[in-house]
C-alpha atoms as a PDB file:
ATOM      1  CA  MET A   1      -0.020  -0.026   0.231  1.00  0.00           C
ATOM      2  CA  THR A   2       2.882   2.434   0.853  1.00  0.00           C
ATOM      3  CA  LEU A   3       4.387   1.822  -2.825  1.00  0.00           C
ATOM      4  CA  GLU A   4       1.111   2.538  -4.514  1.00  0.00           C
ATOM      5  CA  SER A   5       0.143   5.683  -2.394  1.00  0.00           C
ATOM      6  CA  ALA A   6       3.583   6.950  -3.240  1.00  0.00           C
ATOM      7  CA  THR A   7       2.892   6.587  -6.626  1.00  0.00           C
ATOM      8  CA  LYS A   8      -0.446   8.126  -6.527  1.00  0.00           C
ATOM      9  CA  VAL A   9       1.096  11.307  -5.031  1.00  0.00           C
ATOM     10  CA  GLY A  10       2.818  11.954  -8.370  1.00  0.00           C
ATOM     11  CA  LEU A  11      -0.385  11.309 -10.265  1.00  0.00           C
ATOM     12  CA  TYR A  12      -2.649  13.528  -8.101  1.00  0.00           C
ATOM     13  CA  LEU A  13       0.222  16.301  -8.087  1.00  0.00           C
ATOM     14  CA  GLY A  14       0.487  16.079 -11.877  1.00  0.00           C
ATOM     15  CA  LEU A  15      -3.220  16.198 -12.640  1.00  0.00           C
ATOM     16  CA  LEU A  16      -3.927  19.041 -10.187  1.00  0.00           C
ATOM     17  CA  LEU A  17      -1.110  21.075 -11.788  1.00  0.00           C
ATOM     18  CA  ALA A  18      -2.384  20.274 -15.127  1.00  0.00           C
ATOM     19  CA  ILE A  19      -5.753  21.644 -14.225  1.00  0.00           C
ATOM     20  CA  GLY A  20      -4.415  24.787 -12.482  1.00  0.00           C
ATOM     21  CA  VAL A  21      -2.191  25.493 -15.930  1.00  0.00           C
ATOM     22  CA  VAL A  22      -5.329  25.286 -18.063  1.00  0.00           C
ATOM     23  CA  SER A  23      -7.466  27.393 -15.629  1.00  0.00           C
ATOM     24  CA  ALA A  24      -4.732  30.030 -15.066  1.00  0.00           C
ATOM     25  CA  TYR A  25      -4.516  30.358 -18.964  1.00  0.00           C
ATOM     26  CA  TRP A  26      -8.358  30.420 -19.691  1.00  0.00           C
ATOM     27  CA  CYS A  27      -9.792  32.048 -16.291  1.00  0.00           C
ATOM     28  CA  VAL A  28      -6.700  34.246 -15.153  1.00  0.00           C
ATOM     29  CA  LEU A  29      -4.672  35.594 -17.916  1.00  0.00           C
ATOM     30  CA  ARG A  30      -7.551  36.270 -20.183  1.00  0.00           C
ATOM     31  CA  ARG A  31      -9.640  37.760 -17.334  1.00  0.00           C
ATOM     32  CA  ALA A  32      -6.855  40.165 -16.232  1.00  0.00           C
ATOM     33  CA  ALA A  33      -6.678  41.839 -19.472  1.00  0.00           C
ATOM     34  CA  LEU A  34      -2.766  41.956 -19.442  1.00  0.00           C
ATOM     35  CA  ASP A  35      -2.382  41.114 -23.174  1.00  0.00           C
ATOM     36  CA  SER A  36      -1.356  45.039 -23.909  1.00  0.00           C
ATOM     37  CA  ASP A  37       2.305  43.630 -23.547  1.00  0.00           C
ATOM     38  CA  ALA A  38       2.585  41.047 -26.001  1.00  0.00           C
ATOM     39  CA  ALA A  39       6.110  39.836 -24.999  1.00  0.00           C
ATOM     40  CA  TRP A  40       5.114  39.380 -21.336  1.00  0.00           C
ATOM     41  CA  GLN A  41       1.781  37.621 -22.598  1.00  0.00           C
ATOM     42  CA  THR A  42       3.746  35.208 -24.847  1.00  0.00           C
ATOM     43  CA  ASP A  43       6.356  34.540 -21.933  1.00  0.00           C
ATOM     44  CA  ALA A  44       3.692  33.921 -19.326  1.00  0.00           C
ATOM     45  CA  GLU A  45       1.844  31.631 -21.887  1.00  0.00           C
ATOM     46  CA  SER A  46       5.279  29.739 -22.508  1.00  0.00           C
ATOM     47  CA  ARG A  47       5.802  29.252 -18.777  1.00  0.00           C
ATOM     48  CA  LEU A  48       2.409  27.776 -18.358  1.00  0.00           C
ATOM     49  CA  ARG A  49       3.053  25.349 -21.332  1.00  0.00           C
ATOM     50  CA  VAL A  50       5.988  24.314 -19.517  1.00  0.00           C
ATOM     51  CA  ILE A  51       4.576  23.612 -16.414  1.00  0.00           C
ATOM     52  CA  GLY A  52       1.882  21.750 -18.105  1.00  0.00           C
ATOM     53  CA  LEU A  53       4.666  19.611 -19.621  1.00  0.00           C
ATOM     54  CA  CYS A  54       6.179  19.104 -16.401  1.00  0.00           C
ATOM     55  CA  ALA A  55       2.799  18.146 -14.660  1.00  0.00           C
ATOM     56  CA  SER A  56       2.060  15.701 -17.527  1.00  0.00           C
ATOM     57  CA  SER A  57       5.345  14.054 -17.486  1.00  0.00           C
ATOM     58  CA  ILE A  58       5.145  13.628 -13.581  1.00  0.00           C
ATOM     59  CA  ALA A  59       1.791  12.038 -14.002  1.00  0.00           C
ATOM     60  CA  VAL A  60       3.088   9.632 -16.855  1.00  0.00           C
ATOM     61  CA  THR A  61       6.157   8.786 -14.713  1.00  0.00           C
ATOM     62  CA  ALA A  62       3.654   8.101 -11.534  1.00  0.00           C
ATOM     63  CA  LEU A  63       1.551   5.857 -13.835  1.00  0.00           C
ATOM     64  CA  ALA A  64       4.425   3.824 -14.896  1.00  0.00           C
ATOM     65  CA  GLY A  65       5.174   3.240 -11.225  1.00  0.00           C
ATOM     66  CA  ARG A  66       1.706   2.535 -10.294  1.00  0.00           C
ATOM     67  CA  ALA A  67       1.574  -0.234 -12.615  1.00  0.00           C
ATOM     68  CA  TRP A  68       4.779  -1.703 -11.311  1.00  0.00           C
ATOM     69  CA  ALA A  69       3.596  -0.989  -7.441  1.00  0.00           C
ATOM     70  CA  HIS A  70       0.175  -2.763  -8.381  1.00  0.00           C
ATOM     71  CA  THR A  71       1.887  -5.770  -9.835  1.00  0.00           C
ATOM     72  CA  ALA A  72       4.035  -6.104  -6.820  1.00  0.00           C
ATOM     73  CA  SER A  73       1.421  -5.717  -4.534  1.00  0.00           C
ATOM     74  CA  ALA A  74      -0.271  -8.698  -6.375  1.00  0.00           C
ATOM     75  CA  PHE A  75       2.257 -11.041  -7.364  1.00  0.00           C
ATOM     76  CA  GLY A  76       5.233 -10.123  -4.857  1.00  0.00           C
ATOM     77  CA  PHE A  77       8.439  -8.393  -5.518  1.00  0.00           C
ATOM     78  CA  ALA A  78       9.955 -11.092  -6.845  1.00  0.00           C
ATOM     79  CA  ASP A  79       7.769 -11.393  -9.803  1.00  0.00           C
ATOM     80  CA  ALA A  80       7.149  -7.563 -10.120  1.00  0.00           C
ATOM     81  CA  TRP A  81       9.696  -7.439 -13.097  1.00  0.00           C
ATOM     82  CA  SER A  82       7.898 -10.140 -15.036  1.00  0.00           C
ATOM     83  CA  LEU A  83       6.397  -9.183 -18.141  1.00  0.00           C
ATOM     84  CA  ASN A  84       3.783 -11.884 -18.039  1.00  0.00           C
ATOM     85  CA  ALA A  85       2.646 -10.635 -14.653  1.00  0.00           C
ATOM     86  CA  LEU A  86       2.791  -6.870 -15.632  1.00  0.00           C
ATOM     87  CA  ARG A  87       0.609  -7.820 -18.754  1.00  0.00           C
ATOM     88  CA  THR A  88      -1.831  -9.560 -16.429  1.00  0.00           C
ATOM     89  CA  ILE A  89      -2.250  -6.590 -14.186  1.00  0.00           C
ATOM     90  CA  VAL A  90      -2.437  -3.784 -17.048  1.00  0.00           C
ATOM     91  CA  VAL A  91      -4.059  -5.611 -19.828  1.00  0.00           C
ATOM     92  CA  GLN A  92      -6.262  -8.478 -18.278  1.00  0.00           C
ATOM     93  CA  SER A  93      -7.401  -6.864 -15.243  1.00  0.00           C
ATOM     94  CA  ARG A  94     -10.185  -4.471 -14.490  1.00  0.00           C
ATOM     95  CA  TRP A  95      -7.849  -2.201 -12.721  1.00  0.00           C
ATOM     96  CA  GLY A  96      -5.629  -2.087 -15.837  1.00  0.00           C
ATOM     97  CA  LEU A  97      -8.624  -0.865 -18.116  1.00  0.00           C
ATOM     98  CA  GLY A  98      -8.727   2.217 -15.896  1.00  0.00           C
ATOM     99  CA  TRP A  99      -4.828   2.663 -15.895  1.00  0.00           C
ATOM    100  CA  ARG A 100      -4.768   2.142 -19.604  1.00  0.00           C
ATOM    101  CA  TRP A 101      -7.538   4.895 -20.218  1.00  0.00           C
ATOM    102  CA  GLN A 102      -5.320   7.282 -17.535  1.00  0.00           C
ATOM    103  CA  LEU A 103      -2.047   6.808 -19.358  1.00  0.00           C
ATOM    104  CA  VAL A 104      -3.631   7.430 -22.674  1.00  0.00           C
ATOM    105  CA  SER A 105      -5.175  10.819 -20.862  1.00  0.00           C
ATOM    106  CA  ALA A 106      -1.829  11.744 -19.585  1.00  0.00           C
ATOM    107  CA  LEU A 107      -0.092  11.177 -22.847  1.00  0.00           C
ATOM    108  CA  GLY A 108      -2.566  13.123 -24.449  1.00  0.00           C
ATOM    109  CA  CYS A 109      -2.080  15.827 -22.025  1.00  0.00           C
ATOM    110  CA  ALA A 110       1.501  15.857 -22.555  1.00  0.00           C
ATOM    111  CA  GLY A 111       1.307  16.058 -26.424  1.00  0.00           C
ATOM    112  CA  LEU A 112      -1.296  18.840 -26.377  1.00  0.00           C
ATOM    113  CA  PHE A 113       0.789  20.916 -23.922  1.00  0.00           C
ATOM    114  CA  GLY A 114       3.746  20.445 -26.149  1.00  0.00           C
ATOM    115  CA  LEU A 115       1.767  21.752 -29.172  1.00  0.00           C
ATOM    116  CA  ALA A 116       0.217  24.785 -27.253  1.00  0.00           C
ATOM    117  CA  ALA A 117       3.037  27.260 -28.480  1.00  0.00           C
ATOM    118  CA  GLY A 118       2.190  30.633 -29.222  1.00  0.00           C
ATOM    119  CA  SER A 119      -1.418  31.824 -28.847  1.00  0.00           C
ATOM    120  CA  SER A 120      -3.376  28.822 -30.358  1.00  0.00           C
ATOM    121  CA  ARG A 121      -6.539  28.872 -28.331  1.00  0.00           C
ATOM    122  CA  ALA A 122      -7.833  25.904 -30.100  1.00  0.00           C
ATOM    123  CA  VAL A 123      -4.939  23.771 -29.008  1.00  0.00           C
ATOM    124  CA  TRP A 124      -5.551  25.206 -25.408  1.00  0.00           C
ATOM    125  CA  ALA A 125      -9.226  24.223 -25.630  1.00  0.00           C
ATOM    126  CA  ALA A 126      -8.213  20.769 -26.673  1.00  0.00           C
ATOM    127  CA  VAL A 127      -5.923  20.694 -23.631  1.00  0.00           C
ATOM    128  CA  ALA A 128      -8.782  21.656 -21.306  1.00  0.00           C
ATOM    129  CA  CYS A 129     -10.915  18.677 -22.914  1.00  0.00           C
ATOM    130  CA  ALA A 130      -7.861  16.237 -22.049  1.00  0.00           C
ATOM    131  CA  VAL A 131      -7.459  17.463 -18.507  1.00  0.00           C
ATOM    132  CA  VAL A 132     -10.916  17.269 -17.686  1.00  0.00           C
ATOM    133  CA  ALA A 133     -10.793  13.470 -19.261  1.00  0.00           C
ATOM    134  CA  PHE A 134      -7.747  12.614 -17.346  1.00  0.00           C
ATOM    135  CA  ALA A 135      -9.694  13.878 -14.022  1.00  0.00           C
ATOM    136  CA  TRP A 136     -12.427  11.386 -15.081  1.00  0.00           C
ATOM    137  CA  THR A 137     -10.223   8.462 -15.762  1.00  0.00           C
ATOM    138  CA  VAL A 138      -8.417   8.800 -12.090  1.00  0.00           C
ATOM    139  CA  ALA A 139     -11.652   7.823 -10.675  1.00  0.00           C
ATOM    140  CA  MET A 140     -11.710   4.585 -12.558  1.00  0.00           C
ATOM    141  CA  THR A 141      -9.124   2.720 -10.397  1.00  0.00           C
ATOM    142  CA  GLY A 142     -10.291   4.136  -6.854  1.00  0.00           C
ATOM    143  CA  HIS A 143     -13.125   3.709  -4.199  1.00  0.00           C
ATOM    144  CA  ALA A 144     -15.605   5.389  -6.796  1.00  0.00           C
ATOM    145  CA  SER A 145     -14.783   2.949  -9.628  1.00  0.00           C
ATOM    146  CA  GLY A 146     -17.885   1.466 -11.413  1.00  0.00           C
ATOM    147  CA  ALA A 147     -20.512   3.821  -9.685  1.00  0.00           C
ATOM    148  CA  VAL A 148     -21.033   6.851 -11.977  1.00  0.00           C
ATOM    149  CA  GLY A 149     -22.270   9.061  -9.397  1.00  0.00           C
ATOM    150  CA  ARG A 150     -19.417   8.646  -7.201  1.00  0.00           C
ATOM    151  CA  MET A 151     -17.206   9.062  -9.993  1.00  0.00           C
ATOM    152  CA  MET A 152     -18.759  12.120 -11.031  1.00  0.00           C
ATOM    153  CA  LEU A 153     -18.405  13.471  -7.269  1.00  0.00           C
ATOM    154  CA  HIS A 154     -14.722  12.417  -7.427  1.00  0.00           C
ATOM    155  CA  THR A 155     -14.089  14.114 -10.496  1.00  0.00           C
ATOM    156  CA  ALA A 156     -15.640  17.133  -9.491  1.00  0.00           C
ATOM    157  CA  HIS A 157     -13.630  17.102  -6.248  1.00  0.00           C
ATOM    158  CA  VAL A 158     -10.462  16.783  -7.878  1.00  0.00           C
ATOM    159  CA  LEU A 159     -11.151  19.536 -10.752  1.00  0.00           C
ATOM    160  CA  ALA A 160     -12.125  21.881  -7.665  1.00  0.00           C
ATOM    161  CA  GLY A 161      -9.056  21.242  -6.000  1.00  0.00           C
ATOM    162  CA  GLY A 162      -7.056  21.993  -8.907  1.00  0.00           C
ATOM    163  CA  LEU A 163      -8.936  25.204  -9.770  1.00  0.00           C
ATOM    164  CA  TRP A 164      -7.983  26.401  -6.434  1.00  0.00           C
ATOM    165  CA  LEU A 165      -4.429  24.873  -5.324  1.00  0.00           C
ATOM    166  CA  GLY A 166      -3.285  24.091  -8.911  1.00  0.00           C
ATOM    167  CA  THR A 167      -3.949  27.405 -10.319  1.00  0.00           C
ATOM    168  CA  LEU A 168      -2.363  29.148  -7.321  1.00  0.00           C
ATOM    169  CA  ALA A 169       1.060  27.265  -7.801  1.00  0.00           C
ATOM    170  CA  SER A 170       0.733  27.960 -11.630  1.00  0.00           C
ATOM    171  CA  LEU A 171       0.395  31.734 -10.799  1.00  0.00           C
ATOM    172  CA  MET A 172       3.153  31.841  -8.255  1.00  0.00           C
ATOM    173  CA  VAL A 173       5.552  30.727 -10.915  1.00  0.00           C
ATOM    174  CA  ILE A 174       4.190  33.322 -13.362  1.00  0.00           C
ATOM    175  CA  GLY A 175       4.165  36.120 -10.837  1.00  0.00           C
ATOM    176  CA  ARG A 176       8.239  35.940 -10.871  1.00  0.00           C
ATOM    177  CA  ILE A 177       8.182  37.235 -14.120  1.00  0.00           C
ATOM    178  CA  SER A 178       5.545  40.114 -13.502  1.00  0.00           C
ATOM    179  CA  ASP A 179       5.905  43.319 -11.899  1.00  0.00           C
ATOM    180  CA  VAL A 180       3.856  44.466  -9.018  1.00  0.00           C
ATOM    181  CA  ALA A 181       0.827  45.841 -10.978  1.00  0.00           C
ATOM    182  CA  ARG A 182       0.628  42.566 -13.106  1.00  0.00           C
ATOM    183  CA  ARG A 183       0.743  40.504 -10.015  1.00  0.00           C
ATOM    184  CA  ARG A 184      -1.866  42.473  -8.458  1.00  0.00           C
ATOM    185  CA  ALA A 185      -4.156  41.945 -11.556  1.00  0.00           C
ATOM    186  CA  LEU A 186      -3.222  38.351 -11.878  1.00  0.00           C
ATOM    187  CA  PHE A 187      -4.233  37.314  -8.149  1.00  0.00           C
ATOM    188  CA  THR A 188      -7.258  39.685  -8.033  1.00  0.00           C
ATOM    189  CA  SER A 189      -8.494  37.518 -11.002  1.00  0.00           C
ATOM    190  CA  PHE A 190      -7.633  34.549  -9.283  1.00  0.00           C
ATOM    191  CA  ASP A 191      -9.627  35.320  -6.393  1.00  0.00           C
ATOM    192  CA  VAL A 192     -12.719  35.128  -8.244  1.00  0.00           C
ATOM    193  CA  LEU A 193     -11.827  31.536  -9.459  1.00  0.00           C
ATOM    194  CA  ALA A 194     -10.330  30.382  -5.935  1.00  0.00           C
ATOM    195  CA  LEU A 195     -13.475  30.911  -3.967  1.00  0.00           C
ATOM    196  CA  PRO A 196     -15.709  28.728  -5.815  1.00  0.00           C
ATOM    197  CA  GLY A 197     -12.960  26.146  -6.495  1.00  0.00           C
ATOM    198  CA  ALA A 198     -12.250  25.989  -2.666  1.00  0.00           C
ATOM    199  CA  ALA A 199     -16.175  25.931  -1.946  1.00  0.00           C
ATOM    200  CA  ILE A 200     -16.712  23.066  -4.452  1.00  0.00           C
ATOM    201  CA  ALA A 201     -13.568  21.103  -3.214  1.00  0.00           C
ATOM    202  CA  VAL A 202     -15.099  21.236   0.399  1.00  0.00           C
ATOM    203  CA  ALA A 203     -18.402  20.556  -0.685  1.00  0.00           C
ATOM    204  CA  THR A 204     -17.739  17.593  -2.552  1.00  0.00           C
ATOM    205  CA  GLY A 205     -15.435  16.439   0.110  1.00  0.00           C
ATOM    206  CA  ILE A 206     -17.935  16.498   2.840  1.00  0.00           C
ATOM    207  CA  ALA A 207     -20.366  14.486   0.184  1.00  0.00           C
ATOM    208  CA  ALA A 208     -17.586  11.717  -0.083  1.00  0.00           C
ATOM    209  CA  SER A 209     -17.054  11.591   3.231  1.00  0.00           C
ATOM    210  CA  PHE A 210     -20.565  10.745   4.206  1.00  0.00           C
ATOM    211  CA  LEU A 211     -20.787   8.163   1.355  1.00  0.00           C
ATOM    212  CA  TYR A 212     -17.410   6.470   2.361  1.00  0.00           C
ATOM    213  CA  LEU A 213     -17.579   6.633   6.586  1.00  0.00           C
ATOM    214  CA  GLY A 214     -21.017   5.265   7.026  1.00  0.00           C
ATOM    215  CA  SER A 215     -21.521   6.672  10.377  1.00  0.00           C
ATOM    216  CA  THR A 216     -19.907   9.178  12.340  1.00  0.00           C
ATOM    217  CA  SER A 217     -18.458   6.681  14.974  1.00  0.00           C
ATOM    218  CA  ASN A 218     -16.112   5.621  12.097  1.00  0.00           C
ATOM    219  CA  VAL A 219     -14.345   8.932  12.139  1.00  0.00           C
ATOM    220  CA  PHE A 220     -12.657   7.851  15.620  1.00  0.00           C
ATOM    221  CA  THR A 221     -12.771   4.103  15.493  1.00  0.00           C
ATOM    222  CA  THR A 222     -11.134   3.433  11.968  1.00  0.00           C
ATOM    223  CA  VAL A 223      -7.808   4.263  10.608  1.00  0.00           C
ATOM    224  CA  TYR A 224      -9.908   5.643   7.482  1.00  0.00           C
ATOM    225  CA  GLY A 225     -11.522   7.977   9.524  1.00  0.00           C
ATOM    226  CA  ARG A 226      -8.532   9.317  11.360  1.00  0.00           C
ATOM    227  CA  VAL A 227      -6.677   9.860   8.225  1.00  0.00           C
ATOM    228  CA  LEU A 228      -9.755  11.739   6.780  1.00  0.00           C
ATOM    229  CA  MET A 229      -9.535  14.156   9.854  1.00  0.00           C
ATOM    230  CA  LEU A 230      -6.147  14.986   9.494  1.00  0.00           C
ATOM    231  CA  LYS A 231      -6.902  15.592   5.798  1.00  0.00           C
ATOM    232  CA  VAL A 232      -9.949  17.935   6.857  1.00  0.00           C
ATOM    233  CA  ALA A 233      -7.514  19.940   9.172  1.00  0.00           C
ATOM    234  CA  LEU A 234      -4.814  20.378   6.421  1.00  0.00           C
ATOM    235  CA  VAL A 235      -7.770  21.766   4.207  1.00  0.00           C
ATOM    236  CA  ALA A 236      -8.561  24.089   7.120  1.00  0.00           C
ATOM    237  CA  VAL A 237      -5.052  25.399   7.145  1.00  0.00           C
ATOM    238  CA  ALA A 238      -4.948  25.753   3.459  1.00  0.00           C
ATOM    239  CA  THR A 239      -8.410  27.819   3.660  1.00  0.00           C
ATOM    240  CA  ALA A 240      -7.216  29.883   6.312  1.00  0.00           C
ATOM    241  CA  CYS A 241      -4.030  30.922   4.271  1.00  0.00           C
ATOM    242  CA  GLY A 242      -6.270  31.446   1.307  1.00  0.00           C
ATOM    243  CA  TYR A 243      -8.307  33.982   3.234  1.00  0.00           C
ATOM    244  CA  VAL A 244      -5.417  35.705   4.749  1.00  0.00           C
ATOM    245  CA  ASN A 245      -4.147  35.976   1.045  1.00  0.00           C
ATOM    246  CA  TRP A 246      -7.446  37.508  -0.272  1.00  0.00           C
ATOM    247  CA  ARG A 247      -7.412  40.016   2.503  1.00  0.00           C
ATOM    248  CA  SER A 248      -3.734  40.895   1.828  1.00  0.00           C
ATOM    249  CA  ILE A 249      -4.536  41.255  -2.115  1.00  0.00           C
ATOM    250  CA  ARG A 250      -7.686  42.983  -1.545  1.00  0.00           C
ATOM    251  CA  ALA A 251      -5.810  45.379   0.914  1.00  0.00           C
ATOM    252  CA  GLY A 252      -3.297  46.330  -1.737  1.00  0.00           C
ATOM    253  CA  SER A 253      -0.403  43.806  -1.818  1.00  0.00           C
ATOM    254  CA  GLY A 254       0.821  42.679  -5.138  1.00  0.00           C
ATOM    255  CA  GLU A 255       0.760  39.144  -4.405  1.00  0.00           C
ATOM    256  CA  PRO A 256       0.550  36.434  -1.696  1.00  0.00           C
ATOM    257  CA  GLY A 257       3.108  36.564   1.164  1.00  0.00           C
ATOM    258  CA  ARG A 258       4.226  33.941   3.553  1.00  0.00           C
ATOM    259  CA  ALA A 259       0.686  32.543   3.750  1.00  0.00           C
ATOM    260  CA  GLY A 260       0.702  31.850   0.190  1.00  0.00           C
ATOM    261  CA  SER A 261       3.822  29.464   0.741  1.00  0.00           C
ATOM    262  CA  ILE A 262       2.125  27.901   3.498  1.00  0.00           C
ATOM    263  CA  GLU A 263      -0.814  27.280   1.478  1.00  0.00           C
ATOM    264  CA  LEU A 264       1.119  25.616  -1.154  1.00  0.00           C
ATOM    265  CA  LEU A 265       2.906  23.397   1.525  1.00  0.00           C
ATOM    266  CA  ALA A 266      -0.594  22.295   2.783  1.00  0.00           C
ATOM    267  CA  ALA A 267      -1.937  21.589  -0.572  1.00  0.00           C
ATOM    268  CA  LEU A 268       1.192  19.401  -1.104  1.00  0.00           C
ATOM    269  CA  SER A 269       0.303  17.737   2.231  1.00  0.00           C
ATOM    270  CA  ILE A 270      -3.116  17.291   1.140  1.00  0.00           C
ATOM    271  CA  VAL A 271      -2.170  15.411  -1.787  1.00  0.00           C
ATOM    272  CA  VAL A 272       0.043  12.941   0.197  1.00  0.00           C
ATOM    273  CA  VAL A 273      -2.765  12.412   2.780  1.00  0.00           C
ATOM    274  CA  THR A 274      -5.324  12.078   0.129  1.00  0.00           C
ATOM    275  CA  SER A 275      -2.874   9.456  -1.811  1.00  0.00           C
ATOM    276  CA  LEU A 276      -2.899   7.312   1.459  1.00  0.00           C
ATOM    277  CA  LEU A 277      -6.684   7.677   1.956  1.00  0.00           C
ATOM    278  CA  THR A 278      -7.473   6.408  -1.482  1.00  0.00           C
ATOM    279  CA  GLU A 279      -5.581   3.181  -0.668  1.00  0.00           C
ATOM    280  CA  LEU A 280      -7.317   2.595   2.585  1.00  0.00           C
ATOM    281  CA  GLU A 281     -10.304   0.305   3.036  1.00  0.00           C
ATOM    282  CA  HIS A 282     -13.337   2.722   3.830  1.00  0.00           C
ATOM    283  CA  PRO A 283     -15.608   1.394   6.455  1.00  0.00           C
END
């Protein structure tokens, strides 16, 4: 379980960053109306494309690791390198079907990010579709697998988390090439996206908790419940930091301060805990 959880960290991290890159392009750069400086706009879009490529590469690498880890879990470490054992897992099993769709989606995202040079909005629209599809396929191998309603809930949760925390990470990178006025415009535009993203992430997380916990007593009596409470605490930290950032930017600050760094650290911790949570048996 530890190996599979570790590889899932890379999967979720890559996916959230990819979602953030797409939302930063469509919902922040465009809304901030900063394209009066064509050179800056081109540089910002180029950096977003590089982040997207890195995110997709992380996801593809994590998926390769997940295939090996799942094979090791099923057949043991001695046979984990066997092509026959690997073929059984990724080709013949139900888990393998979901894994193959995830790999196709991640590779598709990588290829489209590679093509998204210049200002081709059509390619960026295709990237957005690929990222949404990727988020859907991730639900094909988790607790929600096989239940359309739960898969939709899981997909909405991941997309909302990416809109919130993935976009923040992307903008923190772009902010380094921006002056104070541009950073203020970027993060002010992001506020409008972050608030609904955080709200939807929290709401879908609460709904999923009710589905998987079964009863409130399981919060304290099961490992799943205790790990879930740790995730809730980390989300609370990220939310509090987000509020501090929002107040700071509304007060005239050009960018998130130390609270922004803490928010991203909390986000990374949330990814790690979620990766463990999704590998635990729920009540």
